[in-house]
N, C-alpha and C. Protein backbone atom coordinates (compact mmCIF):
# COMPACT_ATOMS: atom_id res chain seq x y z
N MET A 1 -18.18 14.31 -45.51
CA MET A 1 -17.61 15.09 -44.52
C MET A 1 -17.22 16.57 -45.11
N ARG A 2 -16.70 16.48 -46.38
CA ARG A 2 -16.44 17.65 -47.09
C ARG A 2 -17.57 18.73 -47.33
N ASN A 3 -18.70 18.08 -47.65
CA ASN A 3 -19.95 18.92 -47.77
C ASN A 3 -20.40 19.42 -46.47
N LYS A 4 -20.31 18.66 -45.42
CA LYS A 4 -20.65 19.21 -44.07
C LYS A 4 -19.88 20.33 -43.58
N ILE A 5 -18.55 20.19 -43.93
CA ILE A 5 -17.55 21.27 -43.52
C ILE A 5 -18.00 22.51 -44.20
N ILE A 6 -18.32 22.42 -45.64
CA ILE A 6 -18.64 23.50 -46.32
C ILE A 6 -19.80 24.22 -45.83
N GLU A 7 -20.96 23.37 -45.46
CA GLU A 7 -22.22 23.94 -45.05
C GLU A 7 -22.11 24.61 -43.71
N ILE A 8 -21.29 24.11 -42.74
CA ILE A 8 -21.21 24.76 -41.54
C ILE A 8 -20.27 26.01 -41.61
N ALA A 9 -19.25 25.93 -42.34
CA ALA A 9 -18.30 27.03 -42.56
C ALA A 9 -19.20 28.31 -43.34
N ASN A 10 -19.93 27.92 -44.25
CA ASN A 10 -20.60 28.96 -45.02
C ASN A 10 -21.75 29.68 -44.10
N ASP A 11 -22.41 28.84 -43.32
CA ASP A 11 -23.41 29.40 -42.29
C ASP A 11 -22.64 30.42 -41.46
N MET A 12 -21.53 30.00 -40.93
CA MET A 12 -20.67 30.87 -39.89
C MET A 12 -20.15 32.11 -40.64
N PHE A 13 -19.63 31.86 -41.87
CA PHE A 13 -19.08 33.05 -42.58
C PHE A 13 -20.09 34.13 -42.83
N LEU A 14 -21.34 33.61 -43.23
CA LEU A 14 -22.48 34.57 -43.47
C LEU A 14 -22.94 35.30 -42.33
N ASN A 15 -22.98 34.64 -41.24
CA ASN A 15 -23.41 35.15 -39.85
C ASN A 15 -22.39 36.06 -39.19
N LEU A 16 -21.15 35.62 -39.18
CA LEU A 16 -20.17 36.07 -38.45
C LEU A 16 -19.10 37.00 -39.11
N GLY A 17 -18.91 36.58 -40.47
CA GLY A 17 -18.02 37.27 -41.16
C GLY A 17 -16.76 36.39 -41.68
N PHE A 18 -16.20 36.59 -42.81
CA PHE A 18 -15.10 35.70 -43.34
C PHE A 18 -13.91 36.05 -42.53
N LYS A 19 -13.66 37.14 -41.97
CA LYS A 19 -12.42 37.50 -41.26
C LYS A 19 -12.57 36.91 -39.85
N SER A 20 -13.62 37.08 -39.24
CA SER A 20 -14.05 36.80 -37.91
C SER A 20 -13.87 35.28 -37.52
N VAL A 21 -14.31 34.40 -38.40
CA VAL A 21 -14.38 33.01 -38.14
C VAL A 21 -13.06 32.29 -38.43
N THR A 22 -12.55 31.58 -37.51
CA THR A 22 -11.26 30.94 -37.59
C THR A 22 -11.58 29.42 -37.92
N MET A 23 -10.45 28.76 -38.36
CA MET A 23 -10.58 27.26 -38.46
C MET A 23 -10.90 26.65 -37.25
N ASP A 24 -10.37 27.08 -36.12
CA ASP A 24 -10.72 26.48 -34.77
C ASP A 24 -12.20 26.64 -34.49
N ASP A 25 -12.76 27.74 -34.90
CA ASP A 25 -14.17 28.11 -34.64
C ASP A 25 -15.00 26.91 -35.34
N ILE A 26 -14.60 26.76 -36.65
CA ILE A 26 -15.32 25.79 -37.47
C ILE A 26 -15.24 24.48 -36.98
N ALA A 27 -13.95 24.07 -36.60
CA ALA A 27 -13.67 22.68 -36.09
C ALA A 27 -14.50 22.45 -34.72
N ASN A 28 -14.60 23.44 -33.91
CA ASN A 28 -15.41 23.37 -32.70
C ASN A 28 -16.82 23.32 -32.89
N ASN A 29 -17.24 23.85 -33.97
CA ASN A 29 -18.80 23.95 -34.28
C ASN A 29 -19.07 22.41 -34.83
N LEU A 30 -18.16 21.96 -35.53
CA LEU A 30 -18.30 20.55 -36.17
C LEU A 30 -18.22 19.41 -35.29
N GLY A 31 -17.42 19.75 -34.17
CA GLY A 31 -16.96 18.69 -33.21
C GLY A 31 -15.96 17.90 -33.65
N VAL A 32 -15.09 18.36 -34.51
CA VAL A 32 -13.94 17.69 -34.98
C VAL A 32 -12.63 18.39 -34.74
N SER A 33 -11.54 17.76 -35.08
CA SER A 33 -10.27 18.47 -34.92
C SER A 33 -9.96 19.29 -36.16
N LYS A 34 -9.10 20.31 -36.07
CA LYS A 34 -8.72 21.11 -37.37
C LYS A 34 -8.07 20.15 -38.34
N LYS A 35 -7.37 19.12 -37.82
CA LYS A 35 -6.78 18.16 -38.81
C LYS A 35 -7.72 17.57 -39.69
N THR A 36 -8.98 17.32 -39.25
CA THR A 36 -9.87 16.75 -40.19
C THR A 36 -10.34 17.80 -41.23
N ILE A 37 -10.44 19.06 -40.95
CA ILE A 37 -10.74 20.02 -41.91
C ILE A 37 -9.64 20.07 -42.90
N TYR A 38 -8.39 20.03 -42.40
CA TYR A 38 -7.22 20.17 -43.39
C TYR A 38 -7.05 18.99 -44.29
N LYS A 39 -7.76 17.95 -43.92
CA LYS A 39 -7.81 16.69 -44.88
C LYS A 39 -8.41 17.11 -46.07
N TYR A 40 -9.42 17.92 -46.08
CA TYR A 40 -10.15 18.30 -47.20
C TYR A 40 -9.81 19.78 -47.78
N PHE A 41 -9.25 20.56 -47.01
CA PHE A 41 -8.91 21.96 -47.41
C PHE A 41 -7.57 22.31 -46.95
N THR A 42 -6.66 22.76 -47.76
CA THR A 42 -5.20 23.09 -47.46
C THR A 42 -5.15 24.12 -46.47
N ASN A 43 -6.03 25.15 -46.54
CA ASN A 43 -6.02 26.36 -45.69
C ASN A 43 -7.43 27.01 -45.83
N LYS A 44 -7.47 28.02 -45.00
CA LYS A 44 -8.83 28.69 -44.75
C LYS A 44 -9.21 29.44 -46.15
N THR A 45 -8.24 29.87 -46.89
CA THR A 45 -8.59 30.45 -48.21
C THR A 45 -9.28 29.48 -49.07
N ALA A 46 -8.86 28.22 -49.11
CA ALA A 46 -9.45 27.16 -50.00
C ALA A 46 -10.81 26.95 -49.52
N LEU A 47 -11.05 26.98 -48.18
CA LEU A 47 -12.34 26.70 -47.60
C LEU A 47 -13.36 27.89 -47.98
N VAL A 48 -12.81 29.10 -47.85
CA VAL A 48 -13.59 30.34 -48.25
C VAL A 48 -14.02 30.11 -49.70
N GLU A 49 -13.09 29.79 -50.50
CA GLU A 49 -13.45 29.71 -51.98
C GLU A 49 -14.54 28.59 -52.27
N ALA A 50 -14.32 27.51 -51.43
CA ALA A 50 -15.32 26.44 -51.73
C ALA A 50 -16.73 26.88 -51.04
N SER A 51 -16.70 27.65 -49.97
CA SER A 51 -17.89 28.11 -49.40
C SER A 51 -18.69 29.01 -50.33
N THR A 52 -17.91 30.00 -50.81
CA THR A 52 -18.60 31.01 -51.75
C THR A 52 -19.08 30.37 -53.06
N LEU A 53 -18.38 29.53 -53.48
CA LEU A 53 -18.86 28.72 -54.69
C LEU A 53 -20.17 28.03 -54.46
N HIS A 54 -20.14 27.29 -53.27
CA HIS A 54 -21.38 26.70 -52.84
C HIS A 54 -22.62 27.56 -52.70
N THR A 55 -22.36 28.75 -52.16
CA THR A 55 -23.56 29.62 -52.14
C THR A 55 -23.92 30.10 -53.46
N PHE A 56 -22.89 30.41 -54.36
CA PHE A 56 -23.32 30.98 -55.61
C PHE A 56 -24.10 29.84 -56.40
N GLU A 57 -23.62 28.56 -56.32
CA GLU A 57 -24.27 27.50 -57.20
C GLU A 57 -25.74 27.23 -56.72
N THR A 58 -25.78 27.47 -55.28
CA THR A 58 -27.25 27.18 -54.69
C THR A 58 -28.15 28.34 -55.03
N ILE A 59 -27.63 29.62 -55.08
CA ILE A 59 -28.49 30.65 -55.51
C ILE A 59 -28.82 30.57 -56.92
N SER A 60 -27.78 30.22 -57.79
CA SER A 60 -27.90 30.16 -59.33
C SER A 60 -28.93 29.07 -59.61
N HIS A 61 -28.89 27.93 -58.95
CA HIS A 61 -29.97 27.08 -59.29
C HIS A 61 -31.37 27.36 -58.86
N GLY A 62 -31.45 28.19 -57.62
CA GLY A 62 -32.82 28.74 -57.34
C GLY A 62 -33.28 29.75 -58.12
N ILE A 63 -32.43 30.64 -58.70
CA ILE A 63 -32.82 31.57 -59.66
C ILE A 63 -33.21 30.85 -60.95
N ASP A 64 -32.61 29.88 -61.45
CA ASP A 64 -33.09 29.15 -62.68
C ASP A 64 -34.43 28.56 -62.40
N CYS A 65 -34.77 28.11 -61.27
CA CYS A 65 -36.00 27.56 -60.86
C CYS A 65 -37.19 28.69 -60.86
N VAL A 66 -36.71 29.88 -60.43
CA VAL A 66 -37.74 31.04 -60.41
C VAL A 66 -37.97 31.43 -61.83
N CYS A 67 -36.90 31.53 -62.61
CA CYS A 67 -37.12 31.99 -64.05
C CYS A 67 -38.04 30.92 -64.99
N GLU A 68 -37.93 29.64 -64.52
CA GLU A 68 -38.44 28.68 -65.35
C GLU A 68 -40.04 28.72 -65.20
N LEU A 69 -40.51 29.41 -63.99
CA LEU A 69 -41.88 29.73 -63.77
C LEU A 69 -42.49 30.48 -64.83
N ASP A 70 -41.59 31.35 -65.48
CA ASP A 70 -42.20 32.24 -66.60
C ASP A 70 -43.14 33.36 -65.94
N ASP A 71 -42.95 33.77 -64.77
CA ASP A 71 -43.87 34.57 -63.98
C ASP A 71 -43.88 36.00 -64.66
N ASN A 72 -44.82 36.80 -64.11
CA ASN A 72 -44.83 38.13 -64.63
C ASN A 72 -43.41 38.75 -64.13
N PRO A 73 -42.82 39.49 -65.08
CA PRO A 73 -41.46 39.99 -64.93
C PRO A 73 -41.20 40.81 -63.58
N ILE A 74 -42.16 41.56 -63.20
CA ILE A 74 -42.06 42.29 -61.94
C ILE A 74 -42.08 41.42 -60.68
N ASP A 75 -43.07 40.42 -60.79
CA ASP A 75 -43.20 39.54 -59.64
C ASP A 75 -41.83 38.61 -59.63
N GLU A 76 -41.30 38.37 -60.74
CA GLU A 76 -40.12 37.54 -60.84
C GLU A 76 -38.84 38.08 -60.15
N ILE A 77 -38.74 39.46 -60.33
CA ILE A 77 -37.60 40.23 -59.71
C ILE A 77 -37.67 40.10 -58.27
N PHE A 78 -38.96 40.27 -57.57
CA PHE A 78 -39.21 40.30 -56.19
C PHE A 78 -39.00 38.75 -55.64
N ALA A 79 -39.33 37.90 -56.52
CA ALA A 79 -39.24 36.44 -56.06
C ALA A 79 -37.67 36.19 -55.93
N ILE A 80 -36.84 36.59 -56.87
CA ILE A 80 -35.52 36.38 -56.86
C ILE A 80 -34.85 37.15 -55.72
N LYS A 81 -35.32 38.30 -55.46
CA LYS A 81 -34.79 39.07 -54.26
C LYS A 81 -34.93 38.15 -52.99
N LYS A 82 -36.18 37.64 -52.80
CA LYS A 82 -36.47 36.97 -51.66
C LYS A 82 -35.68 35.77 -51.46
N LEU A 83 -35.44 34.98 -52.64
CA LEU A 83 -34.54 33.76 -52.58
C LEU A 83 -33.12 34.18 -52.17
N VAL A 84 -32.65 35.26 -52.73
CA VAL A 84 -31.26 35.64 -52.47
C VAL A 84 -31.08 36.08 -51.13
N MET A 85 -32.03 36.75 -50.47
CA MET A 85 -32.00 37.27 -49.10
C MET A 85 -32.13 36.05 -48.12
N GLU A 86 -32.80 35.08 -48.49
CA GLU A 86 -32.94 33.82 -47.60
C GLU A 86 -31.57 33.10 -47.45
N HIS A 87 -30.89 33.03 -48.64
CA HIS A 87 -29.59 32.27 -48.63
C HIS A 87 -28.43 33.18 -48.13
N LEU A 88 -28.48 34.65 -48.10
CA LEU A 88 -27.47 35.43 -47.66
C LEU A 88 -27.69 35.94 -46.22
N LYS A 89 -28.59 35.37 -45.52
CA LYS A 89 -28.87 35.72 -44.02
C LYS A 89 -29.04 37.15 -43.79
N ASP A 90 -29.51 38.02 -44.68
CA ASP A 90 -29.61 39.42 -44.59
C ASP A 90 -28.34 40.08 -44.56
N GLU A 91 -27.16 39.42 -44.82
CA GLU A 91 -25.81 39.75 -44.89
C GLU A 91 -25.50 40.74 -43.61
N LYS A 92 -25.89 40.22 -42.41
CA LYS A 92 -25.77 41.13 -41.31
C LYS A 92 -24.13 41.38 -40.93
N SER A 93 -23.39 40.48 -41.50
CA SER A 93 -21.92 40.53 -41.09
C SER A 93 -21.15 41.16 -42.19
N SER A 94 -21.92 41.80 -43.26
CA SER A 94 -21.15 42.31 -44.31
C SER A 94 -20.13 41.46 -45.06
N PRO A 95 -20.60 40.21 -45.43
CA PRO A 95 -19.77 39.31 -46.06
C PRO A 95 -19.12 39.67 -47.28
N GLN A 96 -19.71 40.43 -48.21
CA GLN A 96 -19.26 40.86 -49.41
C GLN A 96 -18.04 41.86 -49.10
N TYR A 97 -18.22 42.82 -48.09
CA TYR A 97 -17.16 43.66 -47.82
C TYR A 97 -15.93 42.88 -47.35
N GLN A 98 -16.08 41.98 -46.39
CA GLN A 98 -14.99 41.29 -45.94
C GLN A 98 -14.26 40.40 -46.90
N LEU A 99 -15.01 39.77 -47.83
CA LEU A 99 -14.66 38.94 -48.88
C LEU A 99 -13.61 40.01 -49.78
N GLN A 100 -14.17 41.06 -50.15
CA GLN A 100 -13.44 42.02 -50.97
C GLN A 100 -12.18 42.45 -50.32
N LYS A 101 -12.17 42.68 -49.14
CA LYS A 101 -11.09 43.30 -48.31
C LYS A 101 -10.03 42.20 -48.19
N TYR A 102 -10.37 40.99 -47.63
CA TYR A 102 -9.40 39.95 -47.03
C TYR A 102 -9.05 38.91 -48.21
N TYR A 103 -10.09 38.66 -49.17
CA TYR A 103 -9.93 37.66 -50.12
C TYR A 103 -10.13 38.21 -51.56
N PRO A 104 -9.52 39.05 -52.04
CA PRO A 104 -9.83 40.02 -53.38
C PRO A 104 -9.82 39.19 -54.44
N LYS A 105 -9.04 38.12 -54.65
CA LYS A 105 -9.09 37.22 -55.94
C LYS A 105 -10.38 36.45 -55.81
N ILE A 106 -10.80 35.88 -54.72
CA ILE A 106 -11.98 35.18 -54.65
C ILE A 106 -13.18 36.06 -54.92
N PHE A 107 -13.18 37.24 -54.42
CA PHE A 107 -14.24 38.28 -54.63
C PHE A 107 -14.30 38.69 -56.10
N SER A 108 -13.23 38.88 -56.70
CA SER A 108 -13.08 39.25 -58.07
C SER A 108 -13.74 38.11 -59.08
N ASP A 109 -13.43 36.85 -58.79
CA ASP A 109 -13.84 35.68 -59.56
C ASP A 109 -15.31 35.54 -59.30
N LEU A 110 -15.91 35.78 -58.09
CA LEU A 110 -17.28 35.65 -57.79
C LEU A 110 -18.10 36.62 -58.27
N LYS A 111 -17.44 37.79 -58.44
CA LYS A 111 -18.30 39.04 -59.02
C LYS A 111 -18.51 38.70 -60.42
N GLN A 112 -17.47 38.31 -61.11
CA GLN A 112 -17.63 37.86 -62.61
C GLN A 112 -18.70 36.80 -62.82
N LYS A 113 -18.76 35.72 -61.89
CA LYS A 113 -19.71 34.67 -62.19
C LYS A 113 -21.09 35.33 -61.88
N GLN A 114 -21.12 36.22 -60.83
CA GLN A 114 -22.48 36.78 -60.46
C GLN A 114 -23.00 37.59 -61.74
N PHE A 115 -22.09 38.36 -62.29
CA PHE A 115 -22.44 39.30 -63.44
C PHE A 115 -23.01 38.36 -64.55
N GLU A 116 -22.19 37.29 -64.95
CA GLU A 116 -22.79 36.52 -66.03
C GLU A 116 -24.04 35.84 -65.85
N LEU A 117 -24.35 35.42 -64.58
CA LEU A 117 -25.67 34.79 -64.15
C LEU A 117 -26.61 35.88 -64.33
N MET A 118 -26.43 37.11 -63.62
CA MET A 118 -27.47 38.16 -63.64
C MET A 118 -27.69 38.73 -64.97
N GLN A 119 -26.64 38.84 -65.86
CA GLN A 119 -26.80 39.47 -67.08
C GLN A 119 -27.81 38.64 -68.01
N GLY A 120 -27.82 37.51 -67.96
CA GLY A 120 -28.73 36.65 -68.77
C GLY A 120 -29.99 36.65 -68.16
N CYS A 121 -30.25 36.62 -66.95
CA CYS A 121 -31.51 36.66 -66.18
C CYS A 121 -32.18 38.04 -66.40
N VAL A 122 -31.42 39.10 -66.17
CA VAL A 122 -32.01 40.41 -66.24
C VAL A 122 -32.44 40.78 -67.77
N ILE A 123 -31.57 40.35 -68.71
CA ILE A 123 -31.90 40.67 -70.04
C ILE A 123 -33.06 39.95 -70.46
N ASN A 124 -33.20 38.65 -69.97
CA ASN A 124 -34.50 37.97 -70.42
C ASN A 124 -35.61 38.53 -69.76
N ASN A 125 -35.56 39.03 -68.39
CA ASN A 125 -36.62 39.77 -67.72
C ASN A 125 -36.99 41.01 -68.45
N LEU A 126 -36.04 41.75 -68.87
CA LEU A 126 -36.48 43.03 -69.53
C LEU A 126 -37.05 42.77 -70.82
N ASN A 127 -36.61 41.81 -71.62
CA ASN A 127 -37.29 41.65 -72.92
C ASN A 127 -38.68 41.05 -72.82
N ARG A 128 -38.85 40.13 -71.75
CA ARG A 128 -40.32 39.66 -71.63
C ARG A 128 -41.11 40.89 -71.08
N GLY A 129 -40.58 41.75 -70.18
CA GLY A 129 -41.30 42.94 -69.72
C GLY A 129 -41.83 43.80 -70.84
N LYS A 130 -40.94 44.07 -71.82
CA LYS A 130 -41.20 44.94 -73.00
C LYS A 130 -42.39 44.28 -73.82
N ALA A 131 -42.18 42.96 -74.02
CA ALA A 131 -43.15 42.18 -74.80
C ALA A 131 -44.58 42.20 -74.12
N LEU A 132 -44.54 42.15 -72.70
CA LEU A 132 -45.94 42.12 -72.18
C LEU A 132 -46.42 43.60 -71.91
N GLY A 133 -45.71 44.61 -72.15
CA GLY A 133 -46.15 45.93 -72.01
C GLY A 133 -46.06 46.56 -70.56
N VAL A 134 -45.22 45.84 -69.70
CA VAL A 134 -45.05 46.45 -68.32
C VAL A 134 -43.66 47.19 -68.31
N TYR A 135 -42.76 46.99 -69.25
CA TYR A 135 -41.64 47.80 -69.21
C TYR A 135 -41.70 48.72 -70.66
N ARG A 136 -41.14 49.84 -70.56
CA ARG A 136 -41.20 50.82 -71.66
C ARG A 136 -40.39 50.19 -72.91
N GLU A 137 -40.99 50.38 -74.09
CA GLU A 137 -40.45 49.84 -75.40
C GLU A 137 -39.05 50.28 -75.70
N ASN A 138 -38.93 51.58 -75.34
CA ASN A 138 -37.57 52.18 -75.76
C ASN A 138 -36.47 52.06 -74.83
N ILE A 139 -36.43 51.18 -73.91
CA ILE A 139 -35.42 51.05 -72.93
C ILE A 139 -34.27 50.33 -73.71
N ASP A 140 -33.03 50.72 -73.26
CA ASP A 140 -31.86 50.06 -73.83
C ASP A 140 -31.51 48.72 -72.93
N VAL A 141 -31.87 47.66 -73.35
CA VAL A 141 -31.83 46.48 -72.42
C VAL A 141 -30.38 46.19 -71.99
N GLU A 142 -29.48 46.17 -72.89
CA GLU A 142 -28.04 45.92 -72.49
C GLU A 142 -27.54 46.96 -71.38
N PHE A 143 -27.72 48.20 -71.65
CA PHE A 143 -27.40 49.22 -70.65
C PHE A 143 -28.15 49.07 -69.34
N ILE A 144 -29.44 48.76 -69.39
CA ILE A 144 -30.20 48.73 -68.12
C ILE A 144 -29.68 47.34 -67.31
N SER A 145 -29.39 46.39 -67.97
CA SER A 145 -29.01 45.13 -67.39
C SER A 145 -27.68 45.41 -66.70
N ARG A 146 -26.68 46.15 -67.31
CA ARG A 146 -25.45 46.49 -66.64
C ARG A 146 -25.54 47.48 -65.50
N ILE A 147 -26.36 48.47 -65.53
CA ILE A 147 -26.67 49.40 -64.55
C ILE A 147 -27.37 48.69 -63.46
N TYR A 148 -28.24 47.89 -63.65
CA TYR A 148 -28.84 47.11 -62.67
C TYR A 148 -27.91 46.35 -61.83
N PHE A 149 -27.00 45.75 -62.51
CA PHE A 149 -25.90 44.84 -61.57
C PHE A 149 -25.03 45.77 -60.89
N THR A 150 -24.75 46.84 -61.41
CA THR A 150 -23.88 47.76 -60.73
C THR A 150 -24.57 48.32 -59.51
N GLY A 151 -25.77 48.56 -59.54
CA GLY A 151 -26.50 49.05 -58.34
C GLY A 151 -26.64 47.99 -57.28
N ILE A 152 -26.88 46.81 -57.79
CA ILE A 152 -27.03 45.70 -56.78
C ILE A 152 -25.86 45.40 -55.96
N VAL A 153 -24.72 45.59 -56.67
CA VAL A 153 -23.31 45.56 -56.05
C VAL A 153 -23.13 46.72 -55.20
N GLY A 154 -23.46 47.92 -55.70
CA GLY A 154 -23.29 49.24 -55.00
C GLY A 154 -23.94 49.26 -53.60
N ILE A 155 -25.09 48.85 -53.57
CA ILE A 155 -25.92 48.97 -52.24
C ILE A 155 -25.23 48.17 -51.26
N LYS A 156 -24.47 47.15 -51.57
CA LYS A 156 -23.79 46.35 -50.53
C LYS A 156 -22.54 47.01 -49.95
N ASP A 157 -22.19 48.21 -50.40
CA ASP A 157 -21.03 48.96 -49.89
C ASP A 157 -21.35 49.47 -48.50
N LYS A 158 -20.81 48.90 -47.51
CA LYS A 158 -21.24 49.38 -46.18
C LYS A 158 -20.70 50.72 -45.70
N GLU A 159 -19.73 51.29 -46.41
CA GLU A 159 -19.34 52.64 -46.23
C GLU A 159 -20.34 53.65 -46.74
N MET A 160 -20.95 53.32 -47.92
CA MET A 160 -21.98 54.06 -48.49
C MET A 160 -23.36 53.92 -47.67
N PHE A 161 -23.63 52.77 -47.34
CA PHE A 161 -24.91 52.29 -46.80
C PHE A 161 -24.68 51.55 -45.43
N PRO A 162 -24.28 52.12 -44.37
CA PRO A 162 -24.00 51.61 -43.16
C PRO A 162 -25.26 50.64 -42.62
N LEU A 163 -24.84 49.42 -42.23
CA LEU A 163 -25.88 48.60 -41.67
C LEU A 163 -26.70 49.30 -40.50
N LYS A 164 -26.06 50.16 -39.68
CA LYS A 164 -26.79 50.77 -38.67
C LYS A 164 -28.01 51.69 -39.18
N ASN A 165 -27.79 52.06 -40.43
CA ASN A 165 -28.80 53.04 -41.07
C ASN A 165 -29.77 52.26 -41.96
N TYR A 166 -29.25 51.22 -42.53
CA TYR A 166 -30.13 50.49 -43.61
C TYR A 166 -29.94 48.97 -43.45
N SER A 167 -31.01 48.18 -43.27
CA SER A 167 -31.05 46.86 -43.41
C SER A 167 -30.91 46.47 -44.88
N MET A 168 -30.32 45.31 -45.02
CA MET A 168 -30.25 44.83 -46.51
C MET A 168 -31.72 44.63 -47.14
N LYS A 169 -32.59 44.17 -46.45
CA LYS A 169 -33.99 44.20 -46.90
C LYS A 169 -34.50 45.47 -47.42
N THR A 170 -34.21 46.48 -46.55
CA THR A 170 -34.73 47.85 -46.79
C THR A 170 -34.07 48.33 -48.14
N LEU A 171 -32.79 48.19 -48.15
CA LEU A 171 -31.91 48.58 -49.32
C LEU A 171 -32.44 47.94 -50.70
N MET A 172 -32.66 46.58 -50.54
CA MET A 172 -33.10 45.92 -51.73
C MET A 172 -34.52 46.39 -52.17
N ASN A 173 -35.32 46.63 -51.23
CA ASN A 173 -36.68 46.99 -51.78
C ASN A 173 -36.68 48.51 -52.25
N TYR A 174 -35.80 49.31 -51.61
CA TYR A 174 -35.62 50.70 -52.16
C TYR A 174 -35.08 50.68 -53.60
N TYR A 175 -34.08 49.69 -53.75
CA TYR A 175 -33.43 49.68 -55.04
C TYR A 175 -34.27 49.11 -56.08
N LEU A 176 -35.08 48.03 -55.77
CA LEU A 176 -35.88 47.44 -56.78
C LEU A 176 -36.97 48.46 -57.29
N GLU A 177 -37.52 49.26 -56.31
CA GLU A 177 -38.50 50.13 -56.64
C GLU A 177 -37.87 51.34 -57.57
N TYR A 178 -36.64 51.84 -57.19
CA TYR A 178 -36.06 52.77 -57.94
C TYR A 178 -35.79 52.18 -59.45
N HIS A 179 -35.37 51.05 -59.49
CA HIS A 179 -35.20 50.34 -60.75
C HIS A 179 -36.32 50.18 -61.64
N LEU A 180 -37.41 49.83 -61.06
CA LEU A 180 -38.60 49.46 -61.84
C LEU A 180 -39.35 50.86 -62.18
N ARG A 181 -39.42 51.82 -61.33
CA ARG A 181 -40.06 52.97 -61.62
C ARG A 181 -39.48 53.76 -62.87
N GLY A 182 -38.11 53.37 -63.01
CA GLY A 182 -37.53 54.06 -64.13
C GLY A 182 -37.79 53.33 -65.43
N ILE A 183 -38.27 52.06 -65.50
CA ILE A 183 -38.42 51.45 -66.82
C ILE A 183 -39.96 51.05 -67.07
N CYS A 184 -40.76 51.08 -66.06
CA CYS A 184 -42.13 50.55 -66.09
C CYS A 184 -43.09 51.45 -66.93
N THR A 185 -43.94 50.94 -67.65
CA THR A 185 -45.11 51.61 -68.16
C THR A 185 -46.11 51.77 -67.13
N PRO A 186 -47.24 52.61 -67.38
CA PRO A 186 -48.24 52.72 -66.36
C PRO A 186 -48.79 51.43 -65.98
N LYS A 187 -48.94 50.39 -66.90
CA LYS A 187 -49.41 49.14 -66.54
C LYS A 187 -48.52 48.47 -65.55
N GLY A 188 -47.20 48.55 -65.91
CA GLY A 188 -46.17 47.92 -65.08
C GLY A 188 -46.20 48.62 -63.54
N ILE A 189 -46.32 49.98 -63.57
CA ILE A 189 -46.41 50.61 -62.25
C ILE A 189 -47.50 50.14 -61.40
N GLU A 190 -48.62 49.92 -62.10
CA GLU A 190 -49.67 49.31 -61.22
C GLU A 190 -49.27 47.91 -60.53
N GLN A 191 -48.60 47.06 -61.23
CA GLN A 191 -48.22 45.83 -60.79
C GLN A 191 -47.18 46.01 -59.67
N LEU A 192 -46.30 47.02 -59.92
CA LEU A 192 -45.29 47.38 -59.01
C LEU A 192 -45.91 47.89 -57.77
N GLU A 193 -46.78 48.62 -57.70
CA GLU A 193 -47.57 49.11 -56.57
C GLU A 193 -48.19 48.05 -55.83
N HIS A 194 -48.67 47.00 -56.42
CA HIS A 194 -49.33 45.89 -55.83
C HIS A 194 -48.12 45.06 -55.06
N GLN A 195 -46.94 44.96 -55.74
CA GLN A 195 -45.88 44.21 -55.10
C GLN A 195 -45.31 44.91 -53.75
N LEU A 196 -45.28 46.30 -53.91
CA LEU A 196 -44.79 47.08 -52.85
C LEU A 196 -45.77 47.06 -51.61
N GLU A 197 -47.08 46.86 -52.00
CA GLU A 197 -48.07 46.60 -50.89
C GLU A 197 -47.79 45.32 -50.20
N LYS A 198 -47.48 44.32 -50.85
CA LYS A 198 -47.19 42.96 -50.45
C LYS A 198 -46.01 43.00 -49.60
N GLN A 199 -45.07 43.69 -50.01
CA GLN A 199 -43.68 43.88 -49.20
C GLN A 199 -43.85 44.60 -47.99
N THR A 200 -44.83 45.59 -47.94
CA THR A 200 -45.03 46.19 -46.66
C THR A 200 -45.68 45.31 -45.68
N ILE A 201 -46.59 44.58 -46.22
CA ILE A 201 -47.34 43.62 -45.26
C ILE A 201 -46.40 42.63 -44.71
N ILE A 202 -45.53 42.19 -45.52
CA ILE A 202 -44.57 41.09 -45.14
C ILE A 202 -43.67 41.55 -44.00
N TYR A 203 -43.13 42.90 -44.09
CA TYR A 203 -42.11 43.36 -43.19
C TYR A 203 -42.73 44.21 -42.11
N GLU A 204 -44.09 44.40 -41.92
CA GLU A 204 -44.69 45.08 -40.94
C GLU A 204 -44.54 44.15 -39.53
């Protein structure tokens, strides 16, 4: 039952927002009483924490699987983006913004976990890209990995990038193109252009 509660709550939080969803809503969706939920979670904060950790671990496992394929570094970045977008429901409810505003401690802990996960993944991607000649040899891998994470977090700021103006899919595609054009060799740009064509076909 605990896992079922987490799955339902997680789906509701991502679609409707952490603030908007109440324990009553979750109980009604599950067809159980609130008392049942409180057997497993002392309060909503505990459920939010378990839910965000569940999402993080699911995405983390998926990213590990993508990286194990040892794909072309540029294709790998777009594959990871696709995976993350599928799990985060296109972030229609601005879950990161609500998490930061109403559950700052959970947000801070999650951000640190995300950074540690992405840092290793991005550094590996950058080093492989350099070795394969698709990324410029003279890039500072440590700096690029940190600026990449900062940008990924930054485009989720709904005050800077309102949902009515930008969908998350659009923002992610814009950002990945911005990131890759800054570090790619001519060989890498060719591969990027191919990926961008595929993205256009997918979203038309």
